[in-house]
N, C-alpha and C. Protein backbone atom coordinates (compact mmCIF):
# COMPACT_ATOMS: atom_id res chain seq x y z
N UNK A 1 112.73 -24.69 155.98
CA UNK A 1 111.83 -25.28 155.00
C UNK A 1 111.34 -24.15 154.09
N UNK A 2 111.18 -24.48 152.83
CA UNK A 2 110.73 -23.49 151.85
C UNK A 2 109.60 -24.10 151.02
N UNK A 3 108.52 -23.35 150.85
CA UNK A 3 107.39 -23.83 150.06
C UNK A 3 107.66 -23.55 148.58
N UNK A 4 107.31 -24.50 147.72
CA UNK A 4 107.47 -24.36 146.27
C UNK A 4 106.14 -24.69 145.61
N UNK A 5 105.81 -23.96 144.56
CA UNK A 5 104.59 -24.23 143.80
C UNK A 5 104.91 -24.20 142.31
N UNK A 6 104.08 -24.88 141.54
CA UNK A 6 104.17 -24.83 140.08
C UNK A 6 102.85 -24.32 139.56
N UNK A 7 102.93 -23.45 138.59
CA UNK A 7 101.74 -22.87 137.99
C UNK A 7 101.84 -23.07 136.49
N UNK A 8 100.75 -23.51 135.88
CA UNK A 8 100.70 -23.65 134.44
C UNK A 8 99.29 -23.33 133.98
N UNK A 9 99.14 -23.10 132.70
CA UNK A 9 97.83 -22.83 132.11
C UNK A 9 97.38 -24.04 131.31
N UNK A 10 96.10 -24.32 131.40
CA UNK A 10 95.49 -25.39 130.61
C UNK A 10 94.28 -24.84 129.88
N UNK A 11 93.98 -25.47 128.78
CA UNK A 11 92.76 -25.16 128.02
C UNK A 11 92.16 -26.48 127.59
N UNK A 12 90.92 -26.71 127.95
CA UNK A 12 90.23 -27.96 127.62
C UNK A 12 91.02 -29.18 128.10
N UNK A 13 91.65 -29.06 129.26
CA UNK A 13 92.41 -30.15 129.84
C UNK A 13 93.78 -30.37 129.24
N UNK A 14 94.19 -29.53 128.31
CA UNK A 14 95.50 -29.65 127.67
C UNK A 14 96.44 -28.57 128.17
N UNK A 15 97.69 -28.96 128.43
CA UNK A 15 98.68 -28.00 128.88
C UNK A 15 98.91 -26.95 127.81
N UNK A 16 98.85 -25.69 128.21
CA UNK A 16 99.11 -24.59 127.29
C UNK A 16 100.48 -23.98 127.58
N UNK A 17 100.68 -23.57 128.82
CA UNK A 17 101.94 -22.91 129.15
C UNK A 17 102.37 -23.27 130.56
N UNK A 18 103.61 -23.71 130.66
CA UNK A 18 104.24 -24.00 131.93
C UNK A 18 105.68 -23.57 131.85
N UNK A 19 106.48 -24.04 132.78
CA UNK A 19 107.88 -23.62 132.85
C UNK A 19 108.67 -23.91 131.58
N UNK A 20 108.48 -25.10 130.99
CA UNK A 20 109.25 -25.47 129.81
C UNK A 20 108.97 -24.59 128.61
N UNK A 21 107.71 -24.40 128.29
CA UNK A 21 107.36 -23.57 127.13
C UNK A 21 107.67 -22.11 127.39
N UNK A 22 107.51 -21.68 128.62
CA UNK A 22 107.87 -20.31 128.99
C UNK A 22 109.37 -20.09 128.75
N UNK A 23 110.17 -21.03 129.20
CA UNK A 23 111.62 -20.92 129.03
C UNK A 23 111.98 -20.94 127.54
N UNK A 24 111.31 -21.77 126.75
CA UNK A 24 111.56 -21.82 125.32
C UNK A 24 111.27 -20.47 124.67
N UNK A 25 110.12 -19.90 124.97
CA UNK A 25 109.76 -18.61 124.38
C UNK A 25 110.71 -17.50 124.82
N UNK A 26 111.07 -17.48 126.09
CA UNK A 26 112.00 -16.47 126.59
C UNK A 26 113.38 -16.62 125.93
N UNK A 27 113.79 -17.85 125.70
CA UNK A 27 115.09 -18.08 125.07
C UNK A 27 115.06 -17.68 123.60
N UNK A 28 113.96 -17.96 122.91
CA UNK A 28 113.82 -17.51 121.51
C UNK A 28 113.91 -15.99 121.47
N UNK A 29 113.24 -15.32 122.40
CA UNK A 29 113.27 -13.87 122.45
C UNK A 29 114.70 -13.37 122.69
N UNK A 30 115.44 -14.08 123.49
CA UNK A 30 116.81 -13.69 123.84
C UNK A 30 117.78 -13.90 122.68
N UNK A 31 117.70 -15.09 122.03
CA UNK A 31 118.70 -15.43 121.01
C UNK A 31 118.23 -15.18 119.58
N UNK A 32 116.92 -14.99 119.37
CA UNK A 32 116.40 -14.65 118.05
C UNK A 32 116.30 -15.79 117.07
N UNK A 33 116.22 -17.04 117.58
CA UNK A 33 116.17 -18.19 116.69
C UNK A 33 115.64 -19.40 117.44
N UNK A 34 114.76 -20.16 116.78
CA UNK A 34 114.25 -21.39 117.39
C UNK A 34 115.40 -22.39 117.52
N UNK A 35 116.21 -22.50 116.46
CA UNK A 35 117.30 -23.46 116.47
C UNK A 35 118.31 -23.15 117.58
N UNK A 36 118.70 -21.89 117.70
CA UNK A 36 119.67 -21.50 118.74
C UNK A 36 119.07 -21.67 120.13
N UNK A 37 117.78 -21.38 120.27
CA UNK A 37 117.12 -21.56 121.57
C UNK A 37 117.08 -23.04 121.95
N UNK A 38 116.72 -23.88 120.99
CA UNK A 38 116.67 -25.32 121.24
C UNK A 38 118.04 -25.83 121.65
N UNK A 39 119.07 -25.40 120.95
CA UNK A 39 120.43 -25.82 121.28
C UNK A 39 120.81 -25.37 122.69
N UNK A 40 120.51 -24.14 123.01
CA UNK A 40 120.84 -23.61 124.34
C UNK A 40 120.11 -24.37 125.45
N UNK A 41 118.88 -24.82 125.17
CA UNK A 41 118.09 -25.54 126.16
C UNK A 41 118.34 -27.04 126.16
N UNK A 42 119.13 -27.51 125.20
CA UNK A 42 119.45 -28.93 125.13
C UNK A 42 118.31 -29.79 124.62
N UNK A 43 117.49 -29.23 123.74
CA UNK A 43 116.40 -30.00 123.12
C UNK A 43 116.55 -29.92 121.61
N UNK A 44 115.88 -30.81 120.91
CA UNK A 44 115.98 -30.79 119.45
C UNK A 44 115.11 -29.67 118.87
N UNK A 45 115.48 -29.25 117.66
CA UNK A 45 114.68 -28.25 116.95
C UNK A 45 113.26 -28.77 116.77
N UNK A 46 113.14 -30.04 116.41
CA UNK A 46 111.82 -30.65 116.18
C UNK A 46 110.96 -30.60 117.44
N UNK A 47 111.57 -30.86 118.58
CA UNK A 47 110.86 -30.81 119.86
C UNK A 47 110.39 -29.38 120.16
N UNK A 48 111.29 -28.42 119.95
CA UNK A 48 110.95 -27.01 120.18
C UNK A 48 109.83 -26.58 119.24
N UNK A 49 109.94 -26.93 117.98
CA UNK A 49 108.92 -26.56 116.98
C UNK A 49 107.58 -27.17 117.35
N UNK A 50 107.56 -28.40 117.79
CA UNK A 50 106.32 -29.06 118.21
C UNK A 50 105.66 -28.33 119.37
N UNK A 51 106.45 -27.91 120.34
CA UNK A 51 105.91 -27.14 121.47
C UNK A 51 105.28 -25.84 120.98
N UNK A 52 105.97 -25.16 120.08
CA UNK A 52 105.47 -23.87 119.58
C UNK A 52 104.17 -24.04 118.81
N UNK A 53 104.09 -25.05 117.97
CA UNK A 53 102.88 -25.28 117.18
C UNK A 53 101.70 -25.63 118.09
N UNK A 54 101.93 -26.50 119.08
CA UNK A 54 100.86 -26.86 120.03
C UNK A 54 100.40 -25.63 120.80
N UNK A 55 101.34 -24.82 121.21
CA UNK A 55 101.01 -23.61 121.97
C UNK A 55 100.17 -22.66 121.14
N UNK A 56 100.56 -22.42 119.90
CA UNK A 56 99.79 -21.53 119.02
C UNK A 56 98.40 -22.10 118.74
N UNK A 57 98.32 -23.42 118.51
CA UNK A 57 97.02 -24.05 118.25
C UNK A 57 96.09 -23.91 119.45
N UNK A 58 96.60 -24.17 120.63
CA UNK A 58 95.78 -24.14 121.85
C UNK A 58 95.38 -22.72 122.22
N UNK A 59 96.21 -21.74 121.91
CA UNK A 59 95.88 -20.35 122.20
C UNK A 59 95.06 -19.71 121.08
N UNK A 60 95.19 -20.26 119.87
CA UNK A 60 94.46 -19.71 118.73
C UNK A 60 95.05 -18.41 118.21
N UNK A 61 96.36 -18.23 118.39
CA UNK A 61 97.00 -17.02 117.87
C UNK A 61 98.48 -17.29 117.59
N UNK A 62 99.07 -16.41 116.78
CA UNK A 62 100.50 -16.53 116.45
C UNK A 62 101.33 -15.97 117.61
N UNK A 63 102.40 -16.68 117.92
CA UNK A 63 103.31 -16.24 118.97
C UNK A 63 104.70 -15.90 118.43
N UNK A 64 105.01 -16.47 117.27
CA UNK A 64 106.33 -16.24 116.68
C UNK A 64 106.21 -15.71 115.27
N UNK A 65 107.23 -14.95 114.87
CA UNK A 65 107.33 -14.41 113.52
C UNK A 65 108.66 -14.86 112.94
N UNK A 66 108.63 -15.84 112.03
CA UNK A 66 109.90 -16.26 111.42
C UNK A 66 110.38 -15.23 110.40
N UNK A 67 111.70 -15.10 110.29
CA UNK A 67 112.33 -14.26 109.27
C UNK A 67 113.14 -15.18 108.39
N UNK A 68 112.93 -15.08 107.10
CA UNK A 68 113.70 -15.93 106.19
C UNK A 68 115.12 -15.42 106.09
N UNK A 69 116.02 -16.30 105.67
CA UNK A 69 117.44 -15.96 105.56
C UNK A 69 117.68 -14.89 104.51
N UNK A 70 118.88 -14.55 104.36
CA UNK A 70 119.28 -13.51 103.43
C UNK A 70 120.56 -12.89 103.93
N UNK A 71 120.76 -11.64 103.61
CA UNK A 71 121.99 -10.95 104.00
C UNK A 71 122.23 -10.99 105.51
N UNK A 72 121.18 -10.70 106.29
CA UNK A 72 121.32 -10.70 107.74
C UNK A 72 121.04 -12.05 108.38
N UNK A 73 120.66 -13.02 107.57
CA UNK A 73 120.32 -14.34 108.09
C UNK A 73 118.88 -14.41 108.53
N UNK A 74 118.42 -15.60 108.79
CA UNK A 74 117.04 -15.79 109.24
C UNK A 74 116.97 -15.72 110.74
N UNK A 75 115.81 -16.04 111.24
CA UNK A 75 115.63 -16.03 112.69
C UNK A 75 114.16 -16.03 113.04
N UNK A 76 113.89 -15.84 114.29
CA UNK A 76 112.52 -15.84 114.79
C UNK A 76 112.40 -14.81 115.91
N UNK A 77 111.32 -14.07 115.88
CA UNK A 77 111.03 -13.14 116.96
C UNK A 77 109.66 -13.47 117.53
N UNK A 78 109.41 -13.02 118.74
CA UNK A 78 108.09 -13.18 119.34
C UNK A 78 107.20 -12.04 118.87
N UNK A 79 105.92 -12.34 118.70
CA UNK A 79 104.97 -11.30 118.36
C UNK A 79 104.78 -10.40 119.58
N UNK A 80 104.23 -9.21 119.35
CA UNK A 80 103.94 -8.30 120.46
C UNK A 80 102.95 -8.96 121.42
N UNK A 81 101.98 -9.69 120.89
CA UNK A 81 101.00 -10.38 121.72
C UNK A 81 101.65 -11.45 122.60
N UNK A 82 102.63 -12.16 122.05
CA UNK A 82 103.34 -13.18 122.81
C UNK A 82 104.12 -12.54 123.95
N UNK A 83 104.76 -11.42 123.68
CA UNK A 83 105.53 -10.74 124.73
C UNK A 83 104.61 -10.27 125.86
N UNK A 84 103.44 -9.73 125.49
CA UNK A 84 102.46 -9.31 126.50
C UNK A 84 101.98 -10.49 127.31
N UNK A 85 101.64 -11.58 126.62
CA UNK A 85 101.14 -12.80 127.26
C UNK A 85 102.15 -13.33 128.27
N UNK A 86 103.42 -13.42 127.86
CA UNK A 86 104.46 -13.91 128.76
C UNK A 86 104.65 -12.98 129.95
N UNK A 87 104.66 -11.70 129.69
CA UNK A 87 104.83 -10.73 130.76
C UNK A 87 103.69 -10.82 131.77
N UNK A 88 102.47 -10.92 131.27
CA UNK A 88 101.30 -11.05 132.16
C UNK A 88 101.36 -12.34 132.97
N UNK A 89 101.70 -13.44 132.30
CA UNK A 89 101.79 -14.74 132.99
C UNK A 89 102.85 -14.69 134.09
N UNK A 90 104.02 -14.14 133.76
CA UNK A 90 105.10 -14.06 134.75
C UNK A 90 104.73 -13.15 135.92
N UNK A 91 104.03 -12.07 135.63
CA UNK A 91 103.60 -11.14 136.69
C UNK A 91 102.63 -11.85 137.64
N UNK A 92 101.66 -12.54 137.08
CA UNK A 92 100.68 -13.26 137.90
C UNK A 92 101.37 -14.35 138.70
N UNK A 93 102.30 -15.06 138.07
CA UNK A 93 103.02 -16.13 138.74
C UNK A 93 103.84 -15.59 139.92
N UNK A 94 104.49 -14.45 139.74
CA UNK A 94 105.27 -13.84 140.82
C UNK A 94 104.35 -13.42 141.97
N UNK A 95 103.19 -12.87 141.64
CA UNK A 95 102.24 -12.45 142.68
C UNK A 95 101.75 -13.66 143.49
N UNK A 96 101.42 -14.73 142.80
CA UNK A 96 100.95 -15.95 143.48
C UNK A 96 102.07 -16.54 144.33
N UNK A 97 103.27 -16.60 143.78
CA UNK A 97 104.42 -17.14 144.50
C UNK A 97 104.67 -16.32 145.77
N UNK A 98 104.63 -15.02 145.65
CA UNK A 98 104.84 -14.14 146.80
C UNK A 98 103.77 -14.35 147.86
N UNK A 99 102.53 -14.49 147.42
CA UNK A 99 101.41 -14.70 148.35
C UNK A 99 101.57 -16.03 149.10
N UNK A 100 101.91 -17.08 148.38
CA UNK A 100 102.08 -18.40 148.99
C UNK A 100 103.24 -18.37 149.99
N UNK A 101 104.36 -17.78 149.60
CA UNK A 101 105.51 -17.70 150.52
C UNK A 101 105.16 -16.92 151.78
N UNK A 102 104.41 -15.85 151.61
CA UNK A 102 103.98 -15.05 152.75
C UNK A 102 103.09 -15.87 153.69
N UNK A 103 102.18 -16.65 153.14
CA UNK A 103 101.27 -17.47 153.94
C UNK A 103 102.00 -18.56 154.71
N UNK A 104 103.08 -19.08 154.14
CA UNK A 104 103.82 -20.16 154.77
C UNK A 104 105.02 -19.67 155.58
N UNK A 105 105.21 -18.37 155.63
CA UNK A 105 106.34 -17.82 156.39
C UNK A 105 106.23 -18.25 157.86
N UNK A 106 107.28 -18.82 158.35
CA UNK A 106 107.29 -19.26 159.74
C UNK A 106 106.59 -20.58 159.98
N UNK A 107 106.14 -21.26 158.94
CA UNK A 107 105.46 -22.54 159.08
C UNK A 107 106.43 -23.57 159.65
N UNK A 108 105.99 -24.25 160.68
CA UNK A 108 106.83 -25.26 161.32
C UNK A 108 105.94 -26.39 161.80
N UNK A 109 106.11 -27.57 161.22
CA UNK A 109 105.27 -28.72 161.58
C UNK A 109 105.56 -29.21 163.00
N UNK A 110 106.68 -28.84 163.56
CA UNK A 110 107.06 -29.30 164.89
C UNK A 110 106.33 -28.55 166.00
N UNK A 111 105.64 -27.46 165.63
CA UNK A 111 104.91 -26.70 166.66
C UNK A 111 103.74 -27.51 167.17
N UNK A 112 103.45 -27.34 168.45
CA UNK A 112 102.30 -28.02 169.05
C UNK A 112 101.06 -27.22 168.89
């Protein structure tokens, strides 16, 4: 048996960041484009854009920096603040996950 947990952030009762938005931001960082990230994740550009706008509104800061097209083409990068935020969130999530797994190590409901 293996214990599993989900961790997400909320603000004023509204979801701010969970697995889906985290994956979207990490994929944008990897591929350099909202459109390419959405395609890779199997969601529409409109859906991805909506998540990003809600996330920025709820956090009150910019997370992405769009680049307009031209010779090198357009794209999107994460702000330095977004990269720090994601890194901190993932670090805390790993620590919590490790702690929970440690606490449940050897857990067996069949024991008397």
